[in-house]
Protein backbone atom coordinates (compact mmCIF):
# COMPACT_ATOMS: atom_id res chain seq x y z
CA MET A 1 121.20 182.53 -56.77
CA LYS A 2 121.03 181.92 -53.10
CA LEU A 3 116.74 182.88 -52.87
CA ARG A 4 116.55 180.31 -55.88
CA ARG A 5 118.27 177.62 -53.96
CA CYS A 6 116.39 177.92 -50.82
CA ALA A 7 112.91 178.32 -52.76
CA VAL A 8 113.77 174.89 -54.36
CA ALA A 9 114.55 173.37 -50.93
CA CYS A 10 111.34 175.01 -49.31
CA ALA A 11 109.71 173.60 -52.45
CA GLY A 12 110.92 169.66 -51.79
CA VAL A 13 110.58 169.96 -48.15
CA ALA A 14 106.57 170.66 -48.47
CA GLY A 15 106.22 168.17 -51.15
CA GLY A 16 107.74 165.45 -48.92
CA ALA A 17 105.65 166.77 -46.12
CA GLY A 18 102.81 166.49 -48.27
CA LEU A 19 103.81 162.57 -49.81
CA LEU A 20 104.60 161.90 -45.94
CA TYR A 21 100.73 162.69 -45.33
CA LEU A 22 99.44 161.02 -48.26
CA LEU A 23 101.14 158.37 -47.49
CA GLN A 24 100.33 158.06 -43.55
CA ARG A 25 96.47 158.42 -44.67
CA ALA A 26 96.22 155.51 -46.77
CA ALA A 27 98.45 153.37 -44.62
CA ALA A 28 95.76 154.37 -41.88
CA ARG A 29 92.81 153.74 -44.29
CA ARG A 30 94.45 150.08 -44.62
CA TRP A 31 94.10 149.19 -40.82
CA ARG A 32 90.12 150.37 -40.79
CA ALA A 33 87.82 147.94 -40.12
CA SER A 34 84.21 148.11 -40.06
CA ALA A 35 81.55 147.26 -37.35
CA ASP A 36 80.35 143.82 -39.20
CA GLU A 37 84.10 142.72 -39.30
CA LEU A 38 84.33 143.99 -35.88
CA ALA A 39 81.41 141.39 -34.90
CA ALA A 40 82.67 138.83 -37.40
CA ALA A 41 86.23 138.65 -35.80
CA GLY A 42 84.23 138.22 -32.43
CA LEU A 43 85.25 141.52 -31.01
CA SER A 44 81.69 142.99 -30.27
CA LEU A 45 80.61 142.82 -26.70
CA PRO A 46 77.76 140.25 -26.03
CA ALA A 47 74.40 141.28 -26.31
CA ASP A 48 73.56 139.21 -23.09
CA LEU A 49 76.18 141.12 -20.59
CA ARG A 50 74.74 142.29 -17.26
CA HIS A 51 75.19 145.86 -16.61
CA ARG A 52 75.30 148.03 -13.45
CA PHE A 53 76.72 151.09 -12.10
CA VAL A 54 78.90 151.08 -8.66
CA ALA A 55 78.74 154.24 -6.41
CA THR A 56 82.14 154.82 -5.41
CA SER A 57 83.17 156.34 -1.98
CA ASP A 58 83.70 160.00 -3.22
CA GLY A 59 81.00 160.26 -5.64
CA GLY A 60 82.10 158.45 -8.21
CA ARG A 61 80.29 155.75 -10.32
CA ILE A 62 81.94 152.52 -11.91
CA HIS A 63 80.23 150.91 -14.74
CA VAL A 64 80.71 147.18 -14.58
CA VAL A 65 79.59 144.44 -16.79
CA GLU A 66 79.35 140.80 -16.11
CA ARG A 67 78.35 137.60 -18.02
CA GLY A 68 78.24 133.59 -16.52
CA GLU A 69 77.94 131.85 -13.56
CA GLY A 70 80.73 129.74 -11.48
CA PRO A 71 84.42 130.41 -11.27
CA THR A 72 84.94 134.30 -11.09
CA PHE A 73 87.48 136.10 -13.17
CA VAL A 74 87.68 139.84 -12.79
CA LEU A 75 89.15 142.02 -15.62
CA VAL A 76 90.84 145.34 -14.98
CA HIS A 77 91.56 147.39 -18.44
CA GLY A 78 94.52 149.77 -19.32
CA ILE A 79 94.62 153.12 -20.07
CA MET A 80 92.56 154.43 -22.86
CA LEU A 81 90.78 151.32 -22.98
CA THR A 82 87.19 150.10 -21.85
CA VAL A 83 85.52 146.74 -21.15
CA ALA A 84 85.17 146.18 -24.77
CA THR A 85 88.90 145.33 -24.61
CA TRP A 86 87.89 142.03 -23.37
CA ALA A 87 85.24 140.76 -25.46
CA PRO A 88 86.90 137.98 -26.71
CA GLN A 89 87.07 137.03 -22.76
CA LEU A 90 83.94 137.93 -22.09
CA ARG A 91 82.46 135.63 -25.33
CA GLY A 92 85.17 132.74 -24.73
CA LEU A 93 85.94 132.23 -21.03
CA ASN A 94 83.73 130.07 -18.87
CA GLY A 95 82.57 131.39 -15.59
CA ARG A 96 81.62 134.27 -13.88
CA ILE A 97 83.09 136.99 -15.87
CA VAL A 98 83.56 140.73 -14.17
CA ALA A 99 84.76 143.56 -16.37
CA ILE A 100 85.27 147.12 -14.85
CA SER A 101 85.54 150.18 -16.62
CA GLN A 102 88.09 152.39 -14.47
CA ARG A 103 87.08 156.09 -13.61
CA GLY A 104 87.39 158.16 -16.62
CA HIS A 105 86.97 155.48 -18.99
CA GLY A 106 83.77 154.60 -21.03
CA GLN A 107 81.12 155.17 -18.84
CA SER A 108 82.32 155.22 -15.69
CA ARG A 109 83.16 158.75 -13.67
CA ALA A 110 85.54 160.18 -11.40
CA GLY A 111 84.22 161.20 -7.65
CA SER A 112 85.36 164.07 -5.81
CA GLU A 113 89.04 162.52 -5.29
CA GLY A 114 89.96 162.95 -8.72
CA TYR A 115 92.37 160.42 -10.83
CA THR A 116 95.31 158.89 -8.76
CA LEU A 117 96.20 155.27 -9.16
CA GLU A 118 95.41 154.95 -5.23
CA ARG A 119 91.90 156.02 -5.89
CA LEU A 120 91.61 153.65 -9.04
CA ALA A 121 92.64 150.80 -6.02
CA ALA A 122 89.92 151.94 -3.89
CA ASP A 123 87.12 152.26 -6.73
CA LEU A 124 88.70 148.46 -7.62
CA ALA A 125 88.18 147.38 -3.80
CA GLU A 126 84.80 148.71 -3.64
CA VAL A 127 83.49 147.13 -6.80
CA LEU A 128 84.63 143.73 -5.37
CA ASP A 129 82.57 144.34 -2.17
CA ASP A 130 79.59 145.33 -4.05
CA LEU A 131 79.45 142.62 -6.38
CA ASP A 132 80.53 140.00 -3.04
CA VAL A 133 83.00 138.79 -5.17
CA ARG A 134 84.59 135.60 -3.57
CA ASP A 135 87.54 133.70 -4.41
CA ALA A 136 88.24 135.44 -8.04
CA VAL A 137 91.10 135.40 -10.34
CA LEU A 138 91.95 138.82 -11.00
CA VAL A 139 93.39 139.92 -14.24
CA GLY A 140 95.03 143.51 -14.52
CA HIS A 141 96.35 145.05 -18.03
CA SER A 142 98.89 147.63 -18.06
CA MET A 143 97.35 150.18 -15.88
CA GLY A 144 94.90 148.14 -14.87
CA GLY A 145 98.16 145.66 -13.52
CA MET A 146 99.71 148.77 -11.89
CA VAL A 147 96.48 149.62 -10.00
CA SER A 148 96.19 145.24 -8.77
CA LEU A 149 99.54 145.49 -7.60
CA LEU A 150 98.68 148.67 -5.72
CA LEU A 151 95.67 147.10 -4.33
CA ALA A 152 97.71 143.87 -3.12
CA LEU A 153 100.04 146.20 -1.49
CA SER A 154 97.94 148.61 0.31
CA ARG A 155 94.86 146.30 1.07
CA PRO A 156 96.62 143.00 1.03
CA GLU A 157 94.00 141.22 3.53
CA GLU A 158 91.01 143.28 2.12
CA LEU A 159 91.55 141.62 -1.53
CA ALA A 160 92.29 138.20 -0.21
CA ARG A 161 88.93 138.32 0.95
CA HIS A 162 87.78 138.70 -2.86
CA VAL A 163 91.01 137.17 -4.67
CA ARG A 164 92.92 133.81 -4.57
CA ARG A 165 95.01 134.89 -7.52
CA LEU A 166 96.80 137.82 -9.60
CA VAL A 167 97.34 137.54 -13.57
CA LEU A 168 99.14 140.55 -14.35
CA VAL A 169 99.12 141.30 -18.32
CA ALA A 170 101.62 143.51 -20.30
CA THR A 171 102.06 145.34 -16.80
CA THR A 172 105.04 147.05 -14.87
CA PRO A 173 106.04 147.56 -10.93
CA GLY A 174 107.80 151.08 -11.88
CA PRO A 175 108.82 153.59 -14.12
CA ILE A 176 109.88 152.44 -17.71
CA VAL A 177 112.23 155.85 -18.40
CA ALA A 178 114.51 157.86 -16.13
CA PRO A 179 112.48 159.93 -13.44
CA ARG A 180 113.47 162.97 -15.10
CA LEU A 181 112.65 162.34 -18.05
CA ALA A 182 109.22 160.86 -16.90
CA ALA A 183 108.61 164.41 -15.23
CA LEU A 184 109.36 166.21 -18.54
CA ALA A 185 107.08 163.72 -20.38
CA ALA A 186 104.18 164.16 -17.70
CA ALA A 187 104.22 167.96 -18.24
CA ALA A 188 104.49 168.31 -21.75
CA ALA A 189 101.60 165.51 -22.15
CA THR A 190 99.17 167.39 -19.38
CA HIS A 191 99.80 170.62 -21.13
CA ALA A 192 98.83 169.22 -24.84
CA LEU A 193 96.32 167.33 -23.12
CA SER A 194 94.60 169.98 -21.24
CA GLY A 195 94.79 171.97 -24.31
CA ALA A 196 92.93 169.59 -26.63
CA GLU A 197 90.06 169.20 -23.61
CA ARG A 198 89.90 173.08 -24.17
CA ARG A 199 89.29 172.88 -27.98
CA GLY A 200 86.82 170.09 -27.71
CA ARG A 201 89.60 167.58 -29.14
CA GLY A 202 90.33 163.93 -28.96
CA PRO A 203 93.81 163.36 -27.03
CA LEU A 204 95.84 162.50 -30.72
CA PRO A 205 95.01 163.17 -34.11
CA ARG A 206 93.07 160.82 -36.05
CA ALA A 207 95.76 159.63 -38.06
CA ALA A 208 98.18 159.21 -35.24
CA THR A 209 95.52 157.18 -33.31
CA VAL A 210 95.68 154.56 -36.11
CA TRP A 211 99.44 154.65 -35.72
CA ALA A 212 99.63 154.15 -32.10
CA SER A 213 97.19 151.19 -32.32
CA ARG A 214 99.13 149.65 -34.57
CA THR A 215 102.47 149.80 -32.56
CA ALA A 216 100.52 148.36 -29.58
CA PHE A 217 100.78 145.27 -31.49
CA GLY A 218 103.52 142.32 -32.44
CA ALA A 219 103.92 140.55 -35.46
CA SER A 220 100.23 138.99 -36.05
CA ALA A 221 97.99 142.27 -35.43
CA SER A 222 94.57 142.05 -37.33
CA ARG A 223 92.56 144.81 -38.82
CA PRO A 224 89.83 144.46 -36.63
CA ASP A 225 91.97 144.39 -33.32
CA VAL A 226 93.14 147.67 -34.51
CA GLU A 227 90.16 149.14 -35.13
CA LEU A 228 88.83 148.43 -31.71
CA LEU A 229 91.57 149.54 -30.12
CA ARG A 230 91.85 152.78 -32.61
CA GLY A 231 88.03 153.44 -31.30
CA MET A 232 88.80 153.11 -27.83
CA LEU A 233 91.70 155.61 -28.11
CA ASP A 234 89.63 157.98 -29.96
CA SER A 235 86.85 158.19 -26.95
CA MET A 236 88.82 158.59 -24.53
CA SER A 237 88.43 162.26 -22.92
CA PRO A 238 91.51 163.85 -22.70
CA GLY A 239 90.98 165.59 -19.24
CA PRO A 240 90.93 162.48 -17.21
CA LEU A 241 93.99 160.90 -19.51
CA ALA A 242 95.81 164.54 -18.34
CA ALA A 243 95.15 163.73 -15.02
CA LEU A 244 95.89 160.10 -15.19
CA VAL A 245 99.32 160.54 -16.76
CA PRO A 246 101.52 162.10 -14.32
CA HIS A 247 100.53 159.04 -11.75
CA LEU A 248 101.42 156.34 -14.16
CA LEU A 249 104.80 157.62 -14.97
CA ALA A 250 105.72 157.89 -11.10
CA PHE A 251 104.62 154.88 -9.99
CA ASP A 252 107.20 152.67 -8.70
CA VAL A 253 106.55 149.57 -6.14
CA ARG A 254 109.61 147.67 -7.16
CA ASP A 255 111.11 147.83 -3.72
CA ARG A 256 107.50 146.41 -1.98
CA LEU A 257 106.88 143.39 -4.48
CA GLY A 258 108.21 140.91 -1.93
CA ALA A 259 105.31 142.09 0.54
CA ILE A 260 102.76 140.42 -1.62
CA ALA A 261 101.36 137.31 -0.85
CA LEU A 262 98.84 136.44 -3.18
CA PRO A 263 100.04 133.64 -6.03
CA VAL A 264 100.91 135.86 -9.16
CA HIS A 265 101.47 134.65 -12.63
CA VAL A 266 103.03 137.28 -15.41
CA VAL A 267 102.02 137.25 -18.90
CA VAL A 268 104.13 139.34 -21.32
CA GLY A 269 104.25 139.28 -24.92
CA ASN A 270 108.10 139.59 -26.39
CA ARG A 271 107.40 142.63 -28.80
CA ASP A 272 105.57 145.07 -26.17
CA VAL A 273 106.90 148.11 -26.80
CA LEU A 274 104.80 150.14 -24.37
CA THR A 275 105.61 147.46 -20.74
CA PRO A 276 108.85 145.53 -22.14
CA GLN A 277 109.43 142.36 -21.13
CA ARG A 278 111.88 143.32 -18.56
CA GLU A 279 109.58 144.80 -16.42
CA ALA A 280 107.34 141.31 -16.48
CA ARG A 281 110.71 139.65 -15.28
CA LYS A 282 110.58 142.16 -12.49
CA ILE A 283 107.97 141.74 -11.08
CA ALA A 284 107.93 138.01 -11.39
CA GLU A 285 111.61 138.00 -9.81
CA GLY A 286 110.32 140.15 -7.01
CA VAL A 287 107.01 138.61 -5.96
CA PRO A 288 107.66 135.46 -3.97
CA GLY A 289 107.12 132.39 -6.06
CA ALA A 290 105.38 134.11 -8.88
CA ARG A 291 105.18 132.62 -12.42
CA LEU A 292 106.19 134.27 -15.85
CA THR A 293 104.93 133.25 -19.36
CA VAL A 294 106.42 135.19 -22.16
CA LEU A 295 104.11 135.24 -25.58
CA ALA A 296 106.40 135.16 -28.78
CA GLY A 297 105.47 137.50 -31.12
CA CYS A 298 103.07 139.24 -29.27
CA GLY A 299 102.85 142.85 -28.24
CA HIS A 300 100.69 144.82 -25.26
CA MET A 301 97.37 144.11 -26.37
CA VAL A 302 97.36 140.39 -24.79
CA MET A 303 93.50 139.79 -24.93
CA LEU A 304 93.14 140.62 -28.13
CA GLU A 305 96.73 139.23 -29.97
CA ARG A 306 96.68 136.04 -28.51
CA ALA A 307 92.97 135.78 -27.02
CA GLU A 308 93.12 131.71 -27.05
CA ALA A 309 96.45 131.67 -25.19
CA LEU A 310 94.96 133.91 -22.46
CA ARG A 311 91.88 131.99 -22.09
CA ASP A 312 93.48 128.82 -21.72
CA LEU A 313 96.01 130.07 -19.17
CA LEU A 314 93.02 131.76 -17.05
CA ALA A 315 91.08 128.52 -16.87
CA ARG A 316 94.09 126.60 -15.64
């Protein structure tokens, strides 16, 4: 009798797991979109972009795309993203629009100094100098915002030669989880990602990538938005991601925010579960004179989910 009950229970668990798998696959297909749908939604990169590669001082290379003339906006993406995340701004923002792929992302490659956030900040400084950027608005999203904060704190005079204002989008000044938990998460992620790299796999299972993409948006995600993000997540190599995660989880400049002299505008969605609204408020309260804009219903991917609102804010 016990064996029979055990067999029935095991069959029920297996059946439930199978049903859950099928439901997950069906829901994942619901969020897929074709290349034509991406183009129709304005989420393909413009054909007239100017491409260039900037050599870094440690032997790496940074892929930069540029479009337009006039007031300069420099756009720096978050982890696992590429310049493609800025497609709406590259199409709709007036001026000289410069978007940077950070090392280990897209066509950018690391040099001998690896993947510390300090090295990513040095990359940004070297790109600004190489492109002779002046009087620009620097826009950093998520990890790009963290890199921008580091540069503002470590090389303030150098940054001020190139940039007149920082716009920090959906980012954080410090750890979102407790240090001990962050250390455990970093170790587990590094182990899993290193294994994926050895086996030639992506950083996440495909169905999980769709769900991770949807979670990054708030209430008004569209299929093309989710598909664009999914494609970027899928294209990320696990090796660079494994190297970056411990530095991201250990990042903390909360006690230094008062030293930032540039004008700062912080933007966050109130449905952001990755860098919650409380983190944006810490920056706004810590940086002298900083302004804060909270976008109702918006998640982490502000440049996609609220493209027009972000464009209008940057234009002002």
